[in-house]
Amino acid sequence: MSYGDAWSNRCPFSTLLGKTVTHISGLEAGSDRVVFDCADGTQFTMAHQQDCCESVSIDDVVGHAADLIGSPLTMADEVDYDGQRQSQYDESFTWTFYKLATIKGYVDIRWYGTSNGYYSESVDFWQSGGVTP
């Protein structure tokens, strides 16, 4: 999928609320993309669309991905956090936490983005396949 397609298919992270996830790929520290496949045939991707002089990836995952599989999501929240920078050389940085839960458990995906202050450090979320949510 091209960046233009991803841009036009953007949706709020909360779109996942109530969906039943059947498969997740890329949910690990260092990853720059996570793909969620859902029971209703939809697929969603979270990633940073690289421009030039920035770096955005998953810093840490708290919880177990298996807790998100096979039960409807009861939480799908996005939270920005002005925490500490990882390196003294990071001119600009953004922490973004994605909180997901089912009745089986909770997962917190912590993304860290850094740049020279000119480029975006955000994580994009879009429908990458399947029927319209």
N, C-alpha and C. Protein backbone atom coordinates (compact mmCIF):
# COMPACT_ATOMS: atom_id res chain seq x y z
N MET A 1 0.85 -1.18 0.00
CA MET A 1 0.00 0.00 0.00
C MET A 1 0.89 1.23 0.00
N SER A 2 0.59 2.19 -0.84
CA SER A 2 1.37 3.42 -0.91
C SER A 2 1.04 4.33 0.27
N TYR A 3 1.92 5.31 0.50
CA TYR A 3 1.68 6.26 1.58
C TYR A 3 0.37 7.01 1.34
N GLY A 4 0.07 7.35 0.09
CA GLY A 4 -1.18 8.04 -0.22
C GLY A 4 -2.40 7.22 0.17
N ASP A 5 -2.34 5.90 -0.10
CA ASP A 5 -3.43 5.02 0.30
C ASP A 5 -3.56 4.96 1.82
N ALA A 6 -2.42 4.85 2.49
CA ALA A 6 -2.44 4.81 3.96
C ALA A 6 -3.02 6.11 4.50
N TRP A 7 -2.62 7.22 3.93
CA TRP A 7 -3.10 8.52 4.40
C TRP A 7 -4.61 8.63 4.23
N SER A 8 -5.14 8.19 3.11
CA SER A 8 -6.58 8.31 2.86
C SER A 8 -7.39 7.30 3.68
N ASN A 9 -6.76 6.24 4.17
CA ASN A 9 -7.45 5.23 4.97
C ASN A 9 -7.18 5.36 6.47
N ARG A 10 -6.61 6.49 6.88
CA ARG A 10 -6.34 6.71 8.30
C ARG A 10 -7.64 6.66 9.09
N CYS A 11 -7.53 6.19 10.31
CA CYS A 11 -8.69 6.15 11.20
C CYS A 11 -8.18 6.24 12.64
N PRO A 12 -9.06 6.58 13.56
CA PRO A 12 -8.64 6.64 14.96
C PRO A 12 -8.25 5.25 15.46
N PHE A 13 -7.29 5.20 16.36
CA PHE A 13 -6.88 3.93 16.96
C PHE A 13 -8.07 3.26 17.65
N SER A 14 -8.97 4.06 18.16
CA SER A 14 -10.16 3.54 18.85
C SER A 14 -11.08 2.73 17.93
N THR A 15 -10.82 2.76 16.62
CA THR A 15 -11.58 1.94 15.67
C THR A 15 -11.48 0.46 16.04
N LEU A 16 -10.39 0.08 16.70
CA LEU A 16 -10.21 -1.32 17.10
C LEU A 16 -11.14 -1.75 18.24
N LEU A 17 -11.69 -0.79 18.96
CA LEU A 17 -12.55 -1.11 20.10
C LEU A 17 -13.72 -2.00 19.66
N GLY A 18 -13.89 -3.12 20.32
CA GLY A 18 -14.97 -4.06 20.00
C GLY A 18 -14.60 -5.09 18.95
N LYS A 19 -13.50 -4.88 18.24
CA LYS A 19 -13.08 -5.85 17.23
C LYS A 19 -12.39 -7.03 17.90
N THR A 20 -12.46 -8.19 17.25
CA THR A 20 -11.78 -9.38 17.72
C THR A 20 -10.56 -9.61 16.84
N VAL A 21 -9.39 -9.52 17.43
CA VAL A 21 -8.13 -9.69 16.71
C VAL A 21 -7.84 -11.18 16.58
N THR A 22 -7.47 -11.61 15.36
CA THR A 22 -7.15 -13.01 15.12
C THR A 22 -5.65 -13.24 14.95
N HIS A 23 -4.92 -12.20 14.58
CA HIS A 23 -3.47 -12.32 14.37
C HIS A 23 -2.82 -10.95 14.50
N ILE A 24 -1.64 -10.92 15.09
CA ILE A 24 -0.86 -9.68 15.20
C ILE A 24 0.56 -9.99 14.76
N SER A 25 1.11 -9.14 13.88
CA SER A 25 2.52 -9.29 13.50
C SER A 25 3.26 -7.99 13.80
N GLY A 26 4.54 -8.12 14.13
CA GLY A 26 5.39 -6.97 14.37
C GLY A 26 5.32 -6.39 15.77
N LEU A 27 4.65 -7.05 16.68
CA LEU A 27 4.46 -6.52 18.03
C LEU A 27 5.66 -6.90 18.90
N GLU A 28 6.77 -6.16 18.72
CA GLU A 28 7.99 -6.41 19.48
C GLU A 28 8.87 -5.17 19.48
N ALA A 29 9.69 -5.05 20.51
CA ALA A 29 10.61 -3.92 20.61
C ALA A 29 11.49 -3.85 19.37
N GLY A 30 11.68 -2.64 18.85
CA GLY A 30 12.49 -2.42 17.66
C GLY A 30 11.71 -2.42 16.37
N SER A 31 10.49 -2.93 16.40
CA SER A 31 9.66 -2.99 15.20
C SER A 31 9.18 -1.59 14.81
N ASP A 32 9.02 -1.38 13.51
CA ASP A 32 8.50 -0.10 13.04
C ASP A 32 7.11 -0.24 12.42
N ARG A 33 6.49 -1.42 12.60
CA ARG A 33 5.17 -1.66 12.01
C ARG A 33 4.47 -2.79 12.77
N VAL A 34 3.19 -2.58 13.07
CA VAL A 34 2.36 -3.62 13.67
C VAL A 34 1.12 -3.78 12.81
N VAL A 35 0.76 -5.02 12.50
CA VAL A 35 -0.42 -5.30 11.69
C VAL A 35 -1.39 -6.15 12.52
N PHE A 36 -2.64 -5.70 12.56
CA PHE A 36 -3.70 -6.40 13.28
C PHE A 36 -4.69 -6.96 12.26
N ASP A 37 -4.90 -8.28 12.27
CA ASP A 37 -5.93 -8.92 11.46
C ASP A 37 -7.12 -9.18 12.37
N CYS A 38 -8.32 -8.87 11.89
CA CYS A 38 -9.53 -8.99 12.72
C CYS A 38 -10.48 -10.04 12.15
N ALA A 39 -11.32 -10.57 13.04
CA ALA A 39 -12.25 -11.65 12.68
C ALA A 39 -13.25 -11.23 11.61
N ASP A 40 -13.55 -9.93 11.52
CA ASP A 40 -14.53 -9.47 10.52
C ASP A 40 -13.91 -9.24 9.15
N GLY A 41 -12.63 -9.61 8.98
CA GLY A 41 -11.96 -9.48 7.69
C GLY A 41 -11.19 -8.18 7.52
N THR A 42 -11.28 -7.28 8.48
CA THR A 42 -10.52 -6.03 8.38
C THR A 42 -9.09 -6.25 8.84
N GLN A 43 -8.21 -5.38 8.34
CA GLN A 43 -6.81 -5.39 8.74
C GLN A 43 -6.40 -3.95 8.99
N PHE A 44 -5.63 -3.74 10.05
CA PHE A 44 -5.18 -2.41 10.41
C PHE A 44 -3.68 -2.42 10.62
N THR A 45 -3.04 -1.32 10.23
CA THR A 45 -1.60 -1.18 10.37
C THR A 45 -1.28 0.06 11.17
N MET A 46 -0.32 -0.06 12.07
CA MET A 46 0.22 1.11 12.75
C MET A 46 1.71 1.15 12.42
N ALA A 47 2.16 2.32 11.95
CA ALA A 47 3.55 2.49 11.55
C ALA A 47 3.81 3.99 11.39
N HIS A 48 5.06 4.33 11.28
CA HIS A 48 5.44 5.70 10.98
C HIS A 48 5.82 5.76 9.50
N GLN A 49 5.28 6.72 8.80
CA GLN A 49 5.63 6.90 7.39
C GLN A 49 6.91 7.73 7.32
N GLN A 50 8.03 7.07 7.06
CA GLN A 50 9.36 7.69 7.08
C GLN A 50 9.46 8.82 6.07
N ASP A 51 10.02 9.94 6.50
CA ASP A 51 10.22 11.09 5.63
C ASP A 51 11.70 11.29 5.36
N CYS A 52 12.47 11.60 6.37
CA CYS A 52 13.88 11.87 6.15
C CYS A 52 14.71 11.60 7.40
N CYS A 53 14.71 12.57 8.28
CA CYS A 53 15.67 12.61 9.39
C CYS A 53 15.01 12.34 10.73
N GLU A 54 14.23 11.27 10.80
CA GLU A 54 13.56 10.92 12.05
C GLU A 54 13.62 9.41 12.23
N SER A 55 13.37 8.98 13.43
CA SER A 55 13.35 7.56 13.76
C SER A 55 12.17 7.32 14.69
N VAL A 56 11.31 6.37 14.33
CA VAL A 56 10.13 6.05 15.14
C VAL A 56 9.99 4.52 15.16
N SER A 57 9.97 3.95 16.36
CA SER A 57 9.82 2.50 16.47
C SER A 57 9.27 2.14 17.85
N ILE A 58 8.93 0.87 18.00
CA ILE A 58 8.44 0.40 19.30
C ILE A 58 9.62 0.29 20.25
N ASP A 59 9.51 0.96 21.39
CA ASP A 59 10.54 0.89 22.42
C ASP A 59 10.32 -0.33 23.30
N ASP A 60 9.07 -0.63 23.62
CA ASP A 60 8.79 -1.73 24.54
C ASP A 60 7.33 -2.16 24.39
N VAL A 61 7.07 -3.41 24.71
CA VAL A 61 5.71 -3.94 24.76
C VAL A 61 5.54 -4.57 26.14
N VAL A 62 4.55 -4.09 26.87
CA VAL A 62 4.25 -4.64 28.19
C VAL A 62 2.99 -5.48 28.07
N GLY A 63 3.06 -6.72 28.47
CA GLY A 63 1.93 -7.63 28.34
C GLY A 63 2.21 -8.67 27.27
N HIS A 64 1.24 -9.51 27.04
CA HIS A 64 1.38 -10.63 26.11
C HIS A 64 0.39 -10.48 24.96
N ALA A 65 0.90 -10.52 23.74
CA ALA A 65 0.05 -10.40 22.55
C ALA A 65 -1.05 -11.45 22.54
N ALA A 66 -0.77 -12.63 23.07
CA ALA A 66 -1.77 -13.71 23.09
C ALA A 66 -3.04 -13.31 23.83
N ASP A 67 -2.91 -12.37 24.79
CA ASP A 67 -4.09 -11.91 25.53
C ASP A 67 -5.06 -11.11 24.66
N LEU A 68 -4.58 -10.64 23.50
CA LEU A 68 -5.42 -9.83 22.62
C LEU A 68 -6.11 -10.65 21.54
N ILE A 69 -5.75 -11.92 21.42
CA ILE A 69 -6.25 -12.77 20.34
C ILE A 69 -7.52 -13.51 20.78
N GLY A 70 -8.57 -13.42 19.93
CA GLY A 70 -9.75 -14.25 20.11
C GLY A 70 -10.85 -13.71 20.99
N SER A 71 -10.66 -12.54 21.59
CA SER A 71 -11.71 -11.91 22.41
C SER A 71 -11.86 -10.46 21.97
N PRO A 72 -13.07 -9.91 22.04
CA PRO A 72 -13.26 -8.51 21.63
C PRO A 72 -12.41 -7.56 22.47
N LEU A 73 -11.87 -6.55 21.82
CA LEU A 73 -11.08 -5.53 22.51
C LEU A 73 -12.01 -4.64 23.33
N THR A 74 -11.71 -4.52 24.61
CA THR A 74 -12.49 -3.68 25.52
C THR A 74 -11.82 -2.33 25.76
N MET A 75 -10.58 -2.19 25.29
CA MET A 75 -9.86 -0.92 25.38
C MET A 75 -8.98 -0.78 24.14
N ALA A 76 -8.97 0.42 23.56
CA ALA A 76 -8.09 0.76 22.44
C ALA A 76 -7.83 2.26 22.54
N ASP A 77 -6.86 2.63 23.39
CA ASP A 77 -6.58 4.04 23.69
C ASP A 77 -5.19 4.44 23.21
N GLU A 78 -5.07 5.70 22.81
CA GLU A 78 -3.79 6.31 22.43
C GLU A 78 -3.49 7.44 23.40
N VAL A 79 -2.26 7.45 23.94
CA VAL A 79 -1.87 8.47 24.91
C VAL A 79 -0.48 8.99 24.57
N ASP A 80 -0.35 10.31 24.42
CA ASP A 80 0.97 10.94 24.24
C ASP A 80 1.54 11.24 25.61
N TYR A 81 2.87 11.12 25.73
CA TYR A 81 3.52 11.31 27.02
C TYR A 81 4.80 12.11 26.82
N ASP A 82 4.95 13.16 27.60
CA ASP A 82 6.15 13.99 27.54
C ASP A 82 7.17 13.50 28.56
N GLY A 83 7.66 12.29 28.38
CA GLY A 83 8.62 11.70 29.31
C GLY A 83 10.03 12.11 28.98
N GLN A 84 10.97 11.32 29.44
CA GLN A 84 12.38 11.63 29.24
C GLN A 84 12.85 11.17 27.88
N ARG A 85 13.80 11.92 27.35
CA ARG A 85 14.42 11.51 26.09
C ARG A 85 15.37 10.36 26.36
N GLN A 86 15.57 9.51 25.37
CA GLN A 86 16.44 8.35 25.52
C GLN A 86 17.91 8.72 25.40
N SER A 87 18.20 9.76 24.66
CA SER A 87 19.58 10.18 24.43
C SER A 87 19.67 11.70 24.54
N GLN A 88 20.77 12.17 25.05
CA GLN A 88 20.96 13.62 25.14
C GLN A 88 21.03 14.27 23.76
N TYR A 89 21.23 13.46 22.73
CA TYR A 89 21.35 13.98 21.37
C TYR A 89 20.01 14.07 20.64
N ASP A 90 18.94 13.58 21.25
CA ASP A 90 17.61 13.68 20.64
C ASP A 90 17.11 15.11 20.77
N GLU A 91 17.10 15.85 19.66
CA GLU A 91 16.66 17.25 19.71
C GLU A 91 15.17 17.36 20.01
N SER A 92 14.39 16.48 19.41
CA SER A 92 12.95 16.46 19.62
C SER A 92 12.54 15.00 19.78
N PHE A 93 11.57 14.74 20.66
CA PHE A 93 11.16 13.36 20.87
C PHE A 93 9.69 13.30 21.26
N THR A 94 9.08 12.16 20.97
CA THR A 94 7.68 11.93 21.32
C THR A 94 7.51 10.48 21.77
N TRP A 95 6.91 10.31 22.94
CA TRP A 95 6.48 8.99 23.41
C TRP A 95 4.99 8.88 23.10
N THR A 96 4.58 7.77 22.50
CA THR A 96 3.16 7.52 22.28
C THR A 96 2.86 6.11 22.77
N PHE A 97 1.89 6.00 23.67
CA PHE A 97 1.50 4.71 24.23
C PHE A 97 0.16 4.30 23.63
N TYR A 98 0.08 3.05 23.24
CA TYR A 98 -1.17 2.47 22.75
C TYR A 98 -1.56 1.38 23.73
N LYS A 99 -2.75 1.52 24.31
CA LYS A 99 -3.22 0.62 25.35
C LYS A 99 -4.37 -0.22 24.81
N LEU A 100 -4.18 -1.53 24.85
CA LEU A 100 -5.18 -2.48 24.36
C LEU A 100 -5.52 -3.48 25.45
N ALA A 101 -6.78 -3.89 25.52
CA ALA A 101 -7.18 -4.89 26.52
C ALA A 101 -8.35 -5.71 26.01
N THR A 102 -8.41 -6.94 26.50
CA THR A 102 -9.56 -7.82 26.36
C THR A 102 -9.85 -8.35 27.77
N ILE A 103 -10.84 -9.22 27.89
CA ILE A 103 -11.10 -9.82 29.20
C ILE A 103 -9.95 -10.72 29.63
N LYS A 104 -9.06 -11.09 28.69
CA LYS A 104 -7.93 -11.98 29.00
C LYS A 104 -6.70 -11.24 29.51
N GLY A 105 -6.59 -9.94 29.22
CA GLY A 105 -5.39 -9.22 29.65
C GLY A 105 -5.22 -7.90 28.95
N TYR A 106 -4.07 -7.28 29.23
CA TYR A 106 -3.78 -5.91 28.83
C TYR A 106 -2.41 -5.86 28.16
N VAL A 107 -2.29 -5.04 27.11
CA VAL A 107 -1.01 -4.83 26.43
C VAL A 107 -0.81 -3.33 26.23
N ASP A 108 0.39 -2.87 26.54
CA ASP A 108 0.77 -1.47 26.36
C ASP A 108 1.91 -1.44 25.35
N ILE A 109 1.70 -0.76 24.22
CA ILE A 109 2.73 -0.64 23.18
C ILE A 109 3.32 0.76 23.30
N ARG A 110 4.62 0.84 23.61
CA ARG A 110 5.28 2.13 23.80
C ARG A 110 6.16 2.45 22.60
N TRP A 111 5.74 3.45 21.83
CA TRP A 111 6.50 3.91 20.67
C TRP A 111 7.34 5.12 21.08
N TYR A 112 8.55 5.21 20.51
CA TYR A 112 9.42 6.36 20.75
C TYR A 112 9.85 6.92 19.41
N GLY A 113 9.66 8.22 19.23
CA GLY A 113 10.08 8.88 18.01
C GLY A 113 11.03 10.01 18.32
N THR A 114 12.02 10.19 17.47
CA THR A 114 12.98 11.27 17.65
C THR A 114 13.31 11.88 16.29
N SER A 115 13.61 13.17 16.30
CA SER A 115 13.98 13.87 15.07
C SER A 115 14.76 15.12 15.42
N ASN A 116 15.08 15.87 14.38
CA ASN A 116 15.76 17.15 14.59
C ASN A 116 14.76 18.26 14.91
N GLY A 117 13.50 17.91 15.05
CA GLY A 117 12.47 18.88 15.38
C GLY A 117 11.67 19.35 14.17
N TYR A 118 12.14 19.03 12.99
CA TYR A 118 11.46 19.45 11.77
C TYR A 118 10.50 18.36 11.27
N TYR A 119 10.82 17.10 11.52
CA TYR A 119 10.05 15.99 10.97
C TYR A 119 9.11 15.39 12.01
N SER A 120 8.03 14.80 11.54
CA SER A 120 7.03 14.19 12.42
C SER A 120 7.61 12.97 13.14
N GLU A 121 7.19 12.79 14.37
CA GLU A 121 7.57 11.63 15.18
C GLU A 121 6.34 10.80 15.53
N SER A 122 5.28 11.01 14.79
CA SER A 122 4.00 10.36 15.11
C SER A 122 3.90 8.96 14.51
N VAL A 123 2.99 8.20 15.08
CA VAL A 123 2.66 6.87 14.57
C VAL A 123 1.32 7.00 13.85
N ASP A 124 1.25 6.50 12.63
CA ASP A 124 0.02 6.54 11.86
C ASP A 124 -0.74 5.22 12.05
N PHE A 125 -2.06 5.28 11.96
CA PHE A 125 -2.91 4.10 12.08
C PHE A 125 -3.92 4.14 10.95
N TRP A 126 -3.99 3.07 10.18
CA TRP A 126 -4.90 3.06 9.04
C TRP A 126 -5.42 1.65 8.77
N GLN A 127 -6.56 1.62 8.07
CA GLN A 127 -7.10 0.34 7.62
C GLN A 127 -6.32 -0.06 6.38
N SER A 128 -5.67 -1.21 6.46
CA SER A 128 -4.81 -1.64 5.36
C SER A 128 -5.41 -2.77 4.54
N GLY A 129 -6.59 -3.25 4.92
CA GLY A 129 -7.23 -4.30 4.14
C GLY A 129 -8.60 -4.64 4.69
N GLY A 130 -9.38 -5.34 3.89
CA GLY A 130 -10.70 -5.80 4.32
C GLY A 130 -11.80 -4.80 4.11
N VAL A 131 -12.94 -5.10 4.72
CA VAL A 131 -14.13 -4.27 4.56
C VAL A 131 -14.00 -2.97 5.36
N THR A 132 -14.79 -1.99 5.00
CA THR A 132 -14.78 -0.71 5.72
C THR A 132 -15.29 -0.93 7.14
N PRO A 133 -14.55 -0.37 8.15
CA PRO A 133 -14.97 -0.58 9.55
C PRO A 133 -16.30 0.09 9.85
